[in-house]
Amino acid sequence: MEATYPFSALVARMKYITRWSLMRTARPESLSEHTADAALLAHLLCLIATRILGESGEAIHPERVAVAALYHDAPEILTGDLPTPVKYQTEAMRTACKALEAAGAETMARLLPEELQAEMAGWLGGTQLTEAEKALLKAADRLSALIKCLEEGAAGSHEFAAAREAQEAALHGMHCPAAEYFMAHMLPCYTQNLDELTHGRLG
């Protein structure tokens, strides 16, 4: 019997994992949906950083960061989505959760042909990125969460009000110019309806 490798089939199960498990949501969000959103945001933040803000220093490659974003939460397929209040409750809990995620990434990489394991372990663990790229990916991850909070508020849910404040504070605390640019110039559009988003801008 030929060898089989279940990595891709396992990654495809991200669509079955629901985020915000401790919150009452107006619309559920899957891990797969969040991953796609984070990748789009990460790519855009990299472009803002390099093309608009002219950031230099460590190399920033938008495509590389977008790929890393696609895999950044993949270990949660094995661990489940760890709620933020639990994950960051204490330093010991945070360390334990990070160890659990690292173990999950190693386990998943071993589900690939041996020739791919080392490279994929880098994507799953984020070690393929520079420190500047890691910061932009983290900002994109938080922006995705903030956007979810805005969408829930627009749907009439007050459940995410505190989470919105926490995400905004965390983003400002990152001192990420690209994220600040996004929040000033792009984030307000997420409260607009389709007509407001497109009126006079298309065609």
N, C-alpha and C. Protein backbone atom coordinates (compact mmCIF):
# COMPACT_ATOMS: atom_id res chain seq x y z
N MET A 1 0.84 -1.19 0.00
CA MET A 1 0.00 0.00 0.00
C MET A 1 0.88 1.25 0.00
N GLU A 2 0.53 2.22 -0.85
CA GLU A 2 1.30 3.45 -0.91
C GLU A 2 1.05 4.29 0.34
N ALA A 3 2.08 5.05 0.73
CA ALA A 3 1.95 5.91 1.91
C ALA A 3 0.94 7.02 1.65
N THR A 4 0.22 7.40 2.68
CA THR A 4 -0.71 8.52 2.60
C THR A 4 -0.32 9.57 3.63
N TYR A 5 -0.62 10.81 3.32
CA TYR A 5 -0.22 11.92 4.18
C TYR A 5 -1.45 12.80 4.47
N PRO A 6 -1.95 12.79 5.68
CA PRO A 6 -3.22 13.46 6.00
C PRO A 6 -3.14 14.95 6.30
N PHE A 7 -1.98 15.57 6.11
CA PHE A 7 -1.82 16.97 6.49
C PHE A 7 -2.89 17.88 5.88
N SER A 8 -3.04 17.85 4.57
CA SER A 8 -3.97 18.76 3.89
C SER A 8 -5.41 18.49 4.30
N ALA A 9 -5.76 17.23 4.45
CA ALA A 9 -7.12 16.89 4.87
C ALA A 9 -7.39 17.42 6.27
N LEU A 10 -6.36 17.40 7.12
CA LEU A 10 -6.51 17.91 8.47
C LEU A 10 -6.66 19.42 8.46
N VAL A 11 -5.83 20.10 7.67
CA VAL A 11 -5.92 21.56 7.57
C VAL A 11 -7.30 21.99 7.06
N ALA A 12 -7.87 21.20 6.16
CA ALA A 12 -9.19 21.51 5.61
C ALA A 12 -10.27 21.51 6.68
N ARG A 13 -10.00 20.91 7.82
CA ARG A 13 -10.98 20.84 8.90
C ARG A 13 -11.03 22.12 9.74
N MET A 14 -10.23 23.13 9.36
CA MET A 14 -10.31 24.41 10.05
C MET A 14 -11.71 25.00 9.96
N LYS A 15 -12.41 24.66 8.89
CA LYS A 15 -13.76 25.22 8.72
C LYS A 15 -14.76 24.68 9.74
N TYR A 16 -14.39 23.63 10.46
CA TYR A 16 -15.28 23.08 11.48
C TYR A 16 -15.01 23.64 12.88
N ILE A 17 -13.95 24.41 13.03
CA ILE A 17 -13.59 24.95 14.35
C ILE A 17 -14.16 26.36 14.48
N THR A 18 -14.96 26.57 15.51
CA THR A 18 -15.61 27.86 15.73
C THR A 18 -14.79 28.70 16.70
N ARG A 19 -14.53 29.92 16.32
CA ARG A 19 -13.83 30.85 17.20
C ARG A 19 -14.80 31.52 18.17
N TRP A 20 -14.25 32.23 19.15
CA TRP A 20 -15.05 32.96 20.13
C TRP A 20 -16.00 32.03 20.88
N SER A 21 -15.50 30.90 21.30
CA SER A 21 -16.36 29.86 21.87
C SER A 21 -17.03 30.27 23.18
N LEU A 22 -16.47 31.27 23.87
CA LEU A 22 -17.08 31.72 25.13
C LEU A 22 -18.06 32.87 24.93
N MET A 23 -18.22 33.30 23.69
CA MET A 23 -19.05 34.47 23.39
C MET A 23 -20.31 34.06 22.63
N ARG A 24 -21.39 34.81 22.89
CA ARG A 24 -22.63 34.63 22.12
C ARG A 24 -22.51 35.52 20.89
N THR A 25 -22.44 34.90 19.72
CA THR A 25 -22.20 35.64 18.48
C THR A 25 -23.46 35.76 17.64
N ALA A 26 -23.57 36.89 16.94
CA ALA A 26 -24.67 37.06 16.00
C ALA A 26 -24.45 36.17 14.78
N ARG A 27 -23.19 35.96 14.43
CA ARG A 27 -22.84 35.07 13.32
C ARG A 27 -21.56 34.33 13.67
N PRO A 28 -21.58 33.01 13.68
CA PRO A 28 -20.36 32.26 14.02
C PRO A 28 -19.24 32.53 13.02
N GLU A 29 -18.01 32.44 13.52
CA GLU A 29 -16.83 32.62 12.67
C GLU A 29 -15.97 31.37 12.77
N SER A 30 -15.66 30.78 11.64
CA SER A 30 -14.82 29.59 11.64
C SER A 30 -13.34 29.97 11.65
N LEU A 31 -12.51 29.03 12.06
CA LEU A 31 -11.07 29.25 12.03
C LEU A 31 -10.59 29.45 10.60
N SER A 32 -11.21 28.76 9.66
CA SER A 32 -10.85 28.90 8.25
C SER A 32 -11.12 30.32 7.76
N GLU A 33 -12.26 30.88 8.16
CA GLU A 33 -12.61 32.24 7.77
C GLU A 33 -11.63 33.24 8.37
N HIS A 34 -11.33 33.08 9.62
CA HIS A 34 -10.36 33.98 10.28
C HIS A 34 -9.00 33.90 9.61
N THR A 35 -8.57 32.71 9.27
CA THR A 35 -7.27 32.52 8.64
C THR A 35 -7.18 33.27 7.31
N ALA A 36 -8.23 33.16 6.50
CA ALA A 36 -8.24 33.87 5.22
C ALA A 36 -8.22 35.38 5.44
N ASP A 37 -9.00 35.86 6.40
CA ASP A 37 -9.03 37.29 6.69
C ASP A 37 -7.66 37.78 7.17
N ALA A 38 -7.03 37.01 8.05
CA ALA A 38 -5.72 37.39 8.57
C ALA A 38 -4.68 37.45 7.46
N ALA A 39 -4.75 36.51 6.52
CA ALA A 39 -3.79 36.51 5.42
C ALA A 39 -3.96 37.74 4.53
N LEU A 40 -5.20 38.09 4.23
CA LEU A 40 -5.45 39.28 3.42
C LEU A 40 -4.97 40.55 4.13
N LEU A 41 -5.26 40.63 5.42
CA LEU A 41 -4.85 41.80 6.19
C LEU A 41 -3.33 41.88 6.32
N ALA A 42 -2.70 40.72 6.56
CA ALA A 42 -1.25 40.69 6.70
C ALA A 42 -0.56 41.16 5.42
N HIS A 43 -1.05 40.68 4.29
CA HIS A 43 -0.48 41.09 3.01
C HIS A 43 -0.61 42.60 2.82
N LEU A 44 -1.79 43.13 3.14
CA LEU A 44 -2.03 44.56 2.98
C LEU A 44 -1.18 45.39 3.94
N LEU A 45 -1.05 44.95 5.18
CA LEU A 45 -0.22 45.68 6.15
C LEU A 45 1.23 45.75 5.69
N CYS A 46 1.71 44.68 5.11
CA CYS A 46 3.09 44.68 4.59
C CYS A 46 3.25 45.70 3.47
N LEU A 47 2.24 45.78 2.59
CA LEU A 47 2.30 46.75 1.50
C LEU A 47 2.23 48.18 2.04
N ILE A 48 1.38 48.40 3.04
CA ILE A 48 1.29 49.72 3.65
C ILE A 48 2.64 50.10 4.26
N ALA A 49 3.23 49.14 4.98
CA ALA A 49 4.51 49.41 5.66
C ALA A 49 5.61 49.77 4.67
N THR A 50 5.67 49.05 3.56
CA THR A 50 6.79 49.25 2.64
C THR A 50 6.52 50.29 1.56
N ARG A 51 5.30 50.33 1.03
CA ARG A 51 5.00 51.22 -0.11
C ARG A 51 4.53 52.60 0.33
N ILE A 52 3.75 52.67 1.41
CA ILE A 52 3.20 53.95 1.84
C ILE A 52 4.08 54.60 2.91
N LEU A 53 4.45 53.81 3.92
CA LEU A 53 5.19 54.36 5.05
C LEU A 53 6.70 54.30 4.85
N GLY A 54 7.13 53.56 3.83
CA GLY A 54 8.56 53.51 3.51
C GLY A 54 9.41 52.91 4.60
N GLU A 55 8.85 51.93 5.33
CA GLU A 55 9.63 51.30 6.39
C GLU A 55 10.80 50.52 5.81
N SER A 56 11.93 50.63 6.47
CA SER A 56 13.12 49.91 6.04
C SER A 56 13.61 49.05 7.19
N GLY A 57 14.81 48.57 7.11
CA GLY A 57 15.33 47.69 8.15
C GLY A 57 15.22 46.26 7.69
N GLU A 58 14.65 45.41 8.55
CA GLU A 58 14.51 44.01 8.17
C GLU A 58 13.63 43.89 6.92
N ALA A 59 13.96 42.95 6.07
CA ALA A 59 13.19 42.74 4.85
C ALA A 59 11.76 42.33 5.19
N ILE A 60 10.82 42.91 4.47
CA ILE A 60 9.41 42.57 4.62
C ILE A 60 8.91 42.07 3.28
N HIS A 61 8.47 40.83 3.25
CA HIS A 61 7.97 40.23 2.02
C HIS A 61 6.48 39.93 2.19
N PRO A 62 5.60 40.71 1.55
CA PRO A 62 4.16 40.52 1.73
C PRO A 62 3.68 39.10 1.45
N GLU A 63 4.19 38.49 0.40
CA GLU A 63 3.72 37.14 0.04
C GLU A 63 4.11 36.13 1.12
N ARG A 64 5.30 36.27 1.67
CA ARG A 64 5.77 35.35 2.70
C ARG A 64 4.90 35.47 3.97
N VAL A 65 4.58 36.70 4.33
CA VAL A 65 3.77 36.92 5.52
C VAL A 65 2.35 36.40 5.30
N ALA A 66 1.82 36.56 4.10
CA ALA A 66 0.48 36.05 3.80
C ALA A 66 0.43 34.54 3.92
N VAL A 67 1.45 33.85 3.43
CA VAL A 67 1.49 32.39 3.54
C VAL A 67 1.58 31.97 5.00
N ALA A 68 2.42 32.66 5.76
CA ALA A 68 2.54 32.34 7.19
C ALA A 68 1.21 32.55 7.90
N ALA A 69 0.45 33.58 7.49
CA ALA A 69 -0.85 33.84 8.09
C ALA A 69 -1.83 32.70 7.82
N LEU A 70 -1.73 32.10 6.65
CA LEU A 70 -2.62 30.99 6.32
C LEU A 70 -2.44 29.81 7.25
N TYR A 71 -1.24 29.68 7.81
CA TYR A 71 -0.94 28.53 8.67
C TYR A 71 -0.84 28.90 10.15
N HIS A 72 -0.96 30.19 10.49
CA HIS A 72 -0.59 30.61 11.85
C HIS A 72 -1.45 30.00 12.95
N ASP A 73 -2.68 29.64 12.64
CA ASP A 73 -3.55 29.04 13.65
C ASP A 73 -3.85 27.57 13.36
N ALA A 74 -3.17 27.00 12.39
CA ALA A 74 -3.45 25.62 12.01
C ALA A 74 -3.33 24.63 13.17
N PRO A 75 -2.37 24.79 14.09
CA PRO A 75 -2.30 23.84 15.22
C PRO A 75 -3.57 23.78 16.06
N GLU A 76 -4.44 24.80 15.95
CA GLU A 76 -5.69 24.78 16.70
C GLU A 76 -6.62 23.68 16.22
N ILE A 77 -6.33 23.11 15.07
CA ILE A 77 -7.08 21.94 14.62
C ILE A 77 -6.96 20.82 15.64
N LEU A 78 -5.79 20.73 16.26
CA LEU A 78 -5.54 19.70 17.26
C LEU A 78 -5.86 20.18 18.67
N THR A 79 -5.62 21.46 18.94
CA THR A 79 -5.79 21.97 20.30
C THR A 79 -7.15 22.60 20.54
N GLY A 80 -7.84 22.98 19.45
CA GLY A 80 -9.04 23.77 19.57
C GLY A 80 -8.67 25.23 19.74
N ASP A 81 -9.66 26.11 19.58
CA ASP A 81 -9.43 27.54 19.77
C ASP A 81 -9.36 27.83 21.26
N LEU A 82 -8.21 28.24 21.74
CA LEU A 82 -8.02 28.52 23.15
C LEU A 82 -8.53 29.93 23.44
N PRO A 83 -9.59 30.09 24.24
CA PRO A 83 -10.16 31.42 24.50
C PRO A 83 -9.12 32.38 25.08
N THR A 84 -9.11 33.61 24.60
CA THR A 84 -8.13 34.60 25.05
C THR A 84 -8.12 34.80 26.56
N PRO A 85 -9.29 34.89 27.23
CA PRO A 85 -9.25 35.08 28.69
C PRO A 85 -8.54 33.94 29.42
N VAL A 86 -8.61 32.75 28.84
CA VAL A 86 -7.92 31.59 29.43
C VAL A 86 -6.45 31.61 29.06
N LYS A 87 -6.18 31.85 27.79
CA LYS A 87 -4.82 31.78 27.25
C LYS A 87 -3.88 32.77 27.92
N TYR A 88 -4.39 33.96 28.23
CA TYR A 88 -3.53 35.01 28.78
C TYR A 88 -3.83 35.32 30.25
N GLN A 89 -4.47 34.39 30.93
CA GLN A 89 -4.85 34.63 32.32
C GLN A 89 -3.63 34.82 33.22
N THR A 90 -2.63 33.97 33.04
CA THR A 90 -1.39 34.08 33.81
C THR A 90 -0.22 33.79 32.88
N GLU A 91 0.97 34.16 33.31
CA GLU A 91 2.16 33.89 32.50
C GLU A 91 2.37 32.39 32.36
N ALA A 92 2.07 31.64 33.43
CA ALA A 92 2.21 30.18 33.36
C ALA A 92 1.25 29.59 32.34
N MET A 93 0.01 30.11 32.31
CA MET A 93 -0.97 29.62 31.35
C MET A 93 -0.55 29.97 29.93
N ARG A 94 -0.03 31.17 29.75
CA ARG A 94 0.43 31.59 28.42
C ARG A 94 1.56 30.70 27.94
N THR A 95 2.51 30.41 28.82
CA THR A 95 3.64 29.55 28.46
C THR A 95 3.17 28.15 28.11
N ALA A 96 2.22 27.64 28.89
CA ALA A 96 1.69 26.29 28.64
C ALA A 96 0.96 26.24 27.30
N CYS A 97 0.20 27.27 27.00
CA CYS A 97 -0.54 27.31 25.73
C CYS A 97 0.41 27.38 24.54
N LYS A 98 1.48 28.17 24.68
CA LYS A 98 2.46 28.27 23.60
C LYS A 98 3.15 26.92 23.38
N ALA A 99 3.44 26.21 24.46
CA ALA A 99 4.06 24.89 24.35
C ALA A 99 3.10 23.92 23.67
N LEU A 100 1.82 24.03 23.99
CA LEU A 100 0.82 23.17 23.38
C LEU A 100 0.70 23.45 21.88
N GLU A 101 0.72 24.72 21.52
CA GLU A 101 0.64 25.08 20.11
C GLU A 101 1.88 24.61 19.35
N ALA A 102 3.05 24.74 19.97
CA ALA A 102 4.29 24.29 19.33
C ALA A 102 4.27 22.78 19.10
N ALA A 103 3.77 22.06 20.10
CA ALA A 103 3.68 20.61 19.96
C ALA A 103 2.70 20.24 18.85
N GLY A 104 1.61 20.99 18.75
CA GLY A 104 0.64 20.75 17.69
C GLY A 104 1.24 20.99 16.32
N ALA A 105 2.05 22.05 16.19
CA ALA A 105 2.70 22.36 14.91
C ALA A 105 3.66 21.24 14.52
N GLU A 106 4.43 20.73 15.48
CA GLU A 106 5.36 19.64 15.19
C GLU A 106 4.61 18.38 14.78
N THR A 107 3.52 18.10 15.45
CA THR A 107 2.72 16.92 15.11
C THR A 107 2.17 17.02 13.70
N MET A 108 1.65 18.19 13.35
CA MET A 108 1.08 18.37 12.02
C MET A 108 2.13 18.25 10.93
N ALA A 109 3.32 18.81 11.16
CA ALA A 109 4.39 18.74 10.16
C ALA A 109 4.77 17.30 9.86
N ARG A 110 4.69 16.45 10.87
CA ARG A 110 5.04 15.04 10.68
C ARG A 110 4.01 14.29 9.84
N LEU A 111 2.90 14.92 9.50
CA LEU A 111 1.87 14.29 8.68
C LEU A 111 2.11 14.53 7.20
N LEU A 112 3.27 15.07 6.88
CA LEU A 112 3.67 15.34 5.50
C LEU A 112 4.81 14.41 5.09
N PRO A 113 5.09 14.30 3.79
CA PRO A 113 6.29 13.58 3.36
C PRO A 113 7.52 14.18 4.03
N GLU A 114 8.49 13.38 4.30
CA GLU A 114 9.67 13.82 5.04
C GLU A 114 10.35 15.01 4.38
N GLU A 115 10.31 15.06 3.04
CA GLU A 115 10.98 16.15 2.32
C GLU A 115 10.34 17.51 2.58
N LEU A 116 9.11 17.54 3.06
CA LEU A 116 8.40 18.79 3.28
C LEU A 116 8.30 19.19 4.75
N GLN A 117 8.65 18.29 5.63
CA GLN A 117 8.38 18.51 7.05
C GLN A 117 9.11 19.72 7.63
N ALA A 118 10.38 19.86 7.35
CA ALA A 118 11.14 20.95 7.95
C ALA A 118 10.62 22.31 7.51
N GLU A 119 10.36 22.46 6.22
CA GLU A 119 9.87 23.74 5.72
C GLU A 119 8.49 24.06 6.29
N MET A 120 7.60 23.06 6.29
CA MET A 120 6.26 23.31 6.79
C MET A 120 6.26 23.59 8.28
N ALA A 121 7.17 22.97 9.02
CA ALA A 121 7.28 23.26 10.45
C ALA A 121 7.59 24.74 10.65
N GLY A 122 8.37 25.30 9.74
CA GLY A 122 8.69 26.73 9.82
C GLY A 122 7.47 27.61 9.60
N TRP A 123 6.63 27.24 8.63
CA TRP A 123 5.41 28.01 8.39
C TRP A 123 4.44 27.87 9.56
N LEU A 124 4.29 26.67 10.06
CA LEU A 124 3.36 26.43 11.16
C LEU A 124 3.81 27.12 12.44
N GLY A 125 5.11 27.21 12.63
CA GLY A 125 5.64 27.82 13.85
C GLY A 125 6.01 29.28 13.70
N GLY A 126 5.91 29.81 12.48
CA GLY A 126 6.23 31.22 12.26
C GLY A 126 7.70 31.53 12.20
N THR A 127 8.54 30.51 12.15
CA THR A 127 9.99 30.76 12.18
C THR A 127 10.55 31.16 10.82
N GLN A 128 9.72 31.15 9.80
CA GLN A 128 10.16 31.58 8.47
C GLN A 128 10.23 33.10 8.36
N LEU A 129 9.69 33.81 9.35
CA LEU A 129 9.55 35.26 9.26
C LEU A 129 10.62 36.02 10.03
N THR A 130 10.91 37.23 9.57
CA THR A 130 11.75 38.14 10.33
C THR A 130 10.91 38.70 11.49
N GLU A 131 11.56 39.39 12.42
CA GLU A 131 10.84 39.97 13.55
C GLU A 131 9.84 41.02 13.06
N ALA A 132 10.23 41.80 12.05
CA ALA A 132 9.33 42.81 11.49
C ALA A 132 8.10 42.15 10.87
N GLU A 133 8.31 41.04 10.17
CA GLU A 133 7.19 40.34 9.55
C GLU A 133 6.29 39.71 10.61
N LYS A 134 6.88 39.16 11.67
CA LYS A 134 6.09 38.58 12.76
C LYS A 134 5.19 39.64 13.39
N ALA A 135 5.72 40.84 13.56
CA ALA A 135 4.94 41.92 14.17
C ALA A 135 3.75 42.29 13.29
N LEU A 136 3.96 42.32 11.99
CA LEU A 136 2.87 42.66 11.07
C LEU A 136 1.82 41.55 11.04
N LEU A 137 2.26 40.31 11.11
CA LEU A 137 1.31 39.20 11.17
C LEU A 137 0.49 39.27 12.45
N LYS A 138 1.13 39.56 13.56
CA LYS A 138 0.42 39.67 14.83
C LYS A 138 -0.60 40.80 14.77
N ALA A 139 -0.22 41.91 14.15
CA ALA A 139 -1.15 43.03 14.01
C ALA A 139 -2.34 42.65 13.14
N ALA A 140 -2.08 41.90 12.07
CA ALA A 140 -3.17 41.45 11.21
C ALA A 140 -4.11 40.51 11.95
N ASP A 141 -3.55 39.66 12.78
CA ASP A 141 -4.35 38.74 13.58
C ASP A 141 -5.29 39.52 14.50
N ARG A 142 -4.76 40.55 15.14
CA ARG A 142 -5.57 41.37 16.04
C ARG A 142 -6.58 42.22 15.27
N LEU A 143 -6.20 42.70 14.11
CA LEU A 143 -7.14 43.46 13.29
C LEU A 143 -8.32 42.60 12.88
N SER A 144 -8.05 41.36 12.54
CA SER A 144 -9.14 40.44 12.19
C SER A 144 -10.11 40.30 13.36
N ALA A 145 -9.57 40.19 14.57
CA ALA A 145 -10.42 40.09 15.76
C ALA A 145 -11.20 41.38 15.99
N LEU A 146 -10.54 42.51 15.79
CA LEU A 146 -11.22 43.80 15.98
C LEU A 146 -12.35 43.97 14.97
N ILE A 147 -12.10 43.57 13.74
CA ILE A 147 -13.14 43.67 12.70
C ILE A 147 -14.33 42.79 13.06
N LYS A 148 -14.07 41.61 13.60
CA LYS A 148 -15.16 40.75 14.06
C LYS A 148 -15.98 41.44 15.14
N CYS A 149 -15.30 42.14 16.06
CA CYS A 149 -16.00 42.86 17.12
C CYS A 149 -16.88 43.96 16.53
N LEU A 150 -16.37 44.67 15.52
CA LEU A 150 -17.15 45.72 14.87
C LEU A 150 -18.37 45.13 14.18
N GLU A 151 -18.19 44.01 13.50
CA GLU A 151 -19.30 43.38 12.79
C GLU A 151 -20.37 42.91 13.77
N GLU A 152 -19.95 42.36 14.90
CA GLU A 152 -20.92 41.92 15.90
C GLU A 152 -21.68 43.11 16.47
N GLY A 153 -20.98 44.21 16.71
CA GLY A 153 -21.65 45.41 17.20
C GLY A 153 -22.65 45.95 16.20
N ALA A 154 -22.29 45.93 14.91
CA ALA A 154 -23.19 46.40 13.87
C ALA A 154 -24.43 45.51 13.75
N ALA A 155 -24.28 44.25 14.16
CA ALA A 155 -25.40 43.31 14.13
C ALA A 155 -26.28 43.43 15.38
N GLY A 156 -25.92 44.36 16.26
CA GLY A 156 -26.74 44.59 17.44
C GLY A 156 -26.31 43.84 18.68
N SER A 157 -25.18 43.16 18.60
CA SER A 157 -24.71 42.40 19.75
C SER A 157 -23.80 43.27 20.63
N HIS A 158 -24.10 43.29 21.93
CA HIS A 158 -23.26 44.02 22.87
C HIS A 158 -22.21 43.12 23.52
N GLU A 159 -22.21 41.86 23.13
CA GLU A 159 -21.34 40.86 23.73
C GLU A 159 -19.86 41.18 23.50
N PHE A 160 -19.57 41.88 22.40
CA PHE A 160 -18.18 42.09 22.00
C PHE A 160 -17.67 43.48 22.34
N ALA A 161 -18.42 44.26 23.10
CA ALA A 161 -18.01 45.63 23.40
C ALA A 161 -16.67 45.67 24.14
N ALA A 162 -16.53 44.87 25.18
CA ALA A 162 -15.28 44.85 25.95
C ALA A 162 -14.14 44.29 25.12
N ALA A 163 -14.44 43.26 24.30
CA ALA A 163 -13.41 42.67 23.44
C ALA A 163 -12.92 43.70 22.42
N ARG A 164 -13.82 44.52 21.93
CA ARG A 164 -13.42 45.56 20.98
C ARG A 164 -12.43 46.53 21.63
N GLU A 165 -12.75 46.98 22.83
CA GLU A 165 -11.86 47.90 23.53
C GLU A 165 -10.50 47.26 23.79
N ALA A 166 -10.52 45.99 24.15
CA ALA A 166 -9.27 45.29 24.44
C ALA A 166 -8.41 45.15 23.19
N GLN A 167 -9.04 44.82 22.07
CA GLN A 167 -8.29 44.67 20.81
C GLN A 167 -7.73 46.00 20.34
N GLU A 168 -8.52 47.07 20.47
CA GLU A 168 -8.03 48.39 20.07
C GLU A 168 -6.83 48.80 20.92
N ALA A 169 -6.94 48.58 22.22
CA ALA A 169 -5.84 48.94 23.12
C ALA A 169 -4.59 48.12 22.80
N ALA A 170 -4.79 46.83 22.53
CA ALA A 170 -3.66 45.96 22.22
C ALA A 170 -2.97 46.40 20.93
N LEU A 171 -3.76 46.78 19.93
CA LEU A 171 -3.19 47.23 18.66
C LEU A 171 -2.41 48.52 18.84
N HIS A 172 -2.95 49.47 19.56
CA HIS A 172 -2.23 50.71 19.80
C HIS A 172 -0.94 50.44 20.59
N GLY A 173 -1.02 49.46 21.49
CA GLY A 173 0.14 49.11 22.30
C GLY A 173 1.25 48.44 21.52
N MET A 174 0.93 47.95 20.32
CA MET A 174 1.95 47.31 19.48
C MET A 174 2.85 48.34 18.80
N HIS A 175 2.40 49.60 18.73
CA HIS A 175 3.17 50.67 18.09
C HIS A 175 3.57 50.26 16.66
N CYS A 176 2.57 49.78 15.94
CA CYS A 176 2.77 49.33 14.56
C CYS A 176 2.22 50.39 13.62
N PRO A 177 3.07 51.17 12.95
CA PRO A 177 2.59 52.25 12.08
C PRO A 177 1.62 51.78 10.99
N ALA A 178 1.87 50.59 10.43
CA ALA A 178 0.98 50.09 9.37
C ALA A 178 -0.41 49.81 9.92
N ALA A 179 -0.49 49.26 11.13
CA ALA A 179 -1.79 49.00 11.75
C ALA A 179 -2.50 50.31 12.09
N GLU A 180 -1.75 51.30 12.56
CA GLU A 180 -2.34 52.60 12.87
C GLU A 180 -2.89 53.25 11.59
N TYR A 181 -2.16 53.12 10.50
CA TYR A 181 -2.63 53.65 9.21
C TYR A 181 -3.93 52.95 8.81
N PHE A 182 -3.96 51.63 8.94
CA PHE A 182 -5.15 50.87 8.58
C PHE A 182 -6.34 51.31 9.43
N MET A 183 -6.13 51.45 10.75
CA MET A 183 -7.24 51.83 11.64
C MET A 183 -7.75 53.23 11.34
N ALA A 184 -6.87 54.11 10.89
CA ALA A 184 -7.28 55.48 10.60
C ALA A 184 -7.98 55.60 9.25
N HIS A 185 -7.52 54.87 8.25
CA HIS A 185 -7.98 55.09 6.89
C HIS A 185 -8.88 53.97 6.32
N MET A 186 -8.84 52.79 6.90
CA MET A 186 -9.56 51.65 6.33
C MET A 186 -10.59 51.04 7.28
N LEU A 187 -10.26 50.98 8.54
CA LEU A 187 -11.17 50.35 9.50
C LEU A 187 -12.54 51.01 9.55
N PRO A 188 -12.67 52.36 9.45
CA PRO A 188 -14.00 52.97 9.51
C PRO A 188 -14.96 52.46 8.43
N CYS A 189 -14.42 52.00 7.32
CA CYS A 189 -15.26 51.52 6.23
C CYS A 189 -16.01 50.24 6.59
N TYR A 190 -15.57 49.53 7.60
CA TYR A 190 -16.21 48.27 7.97
C TYR A 190 -17.59 48.49 8.60
N THR A 191 -17.93 49.72 8.95
CA THR A 191 -19.25 50.01 9.49
C THR A 191 -20.21 50.49 8.40
N GLN A 192 -19.73 50.57 7.17
CA GLN A 192 -20.56 51.06 6.07
C GLN A 192 -21.28 49.91 5.37
N ASN A 193 -22.44 50.23 4.78
CA ASN A 193 -23.15 49.21 4.00
C ASN A 193 -22.60 49.18 2.57
N LEU A 194 -23.12 48.28 1.76
CA LEU A 194 -22.57 48.09 0.42
C LEU A 194 -22.70 49.34 -0.43
N ASP A 195 -23.84 50.02 -0.35
CA ASP A 195 -24.02 51.24 -1.14
C ASP A 195 -23.02 52.31 -0.73
N GLU A 196 -22.79 52.43 0.57
CA GLU A 196 -21.84 53.43 1.05
C GLU A 196 -20.41 53.08 0.64
N LEU A 197 -20.11 51.81 0.60
CA LEU A 197 -18.76 51.38 0.23
C LEU A 197 -18.48 51.62 -1.26
N THR A 198 -19.50 51.49 -2.08
CA THR A 198 -19.27 51.52 -3.53
C THR A 198 -19.75 52.78 -4.22
N HIS A 199 -20.62 53.58 -3.58
CA HIS A 199 -21.19 54.75 -4.23
C HIS A 199 -20.10 55.73 -4.68
N GLY A 200 -20.09 56.00 -5.98
CA GLY A 200 -19.14 56.95 -6.53
C GLY A 200 -17.71 56.45 -6.58
N ARG A 201 -17.48 55.18 -6.21
CA ARG A 201 -16.11 54.66 -6.19
C ARG A 201 -15.85 53.62 -7.29
N LEU A 202 -16.94 53.05 -7.83
CA LEU A 202 -16.79 52.00 -8.85
C LEU A 202 -17.33 52.50 -10.18
N GLY A 203 -16.82 51.91 -11.26
CA GLY A 203 -17.35 52.19 -12.57
C GLY A 203 -16.89 53.53 -13.16
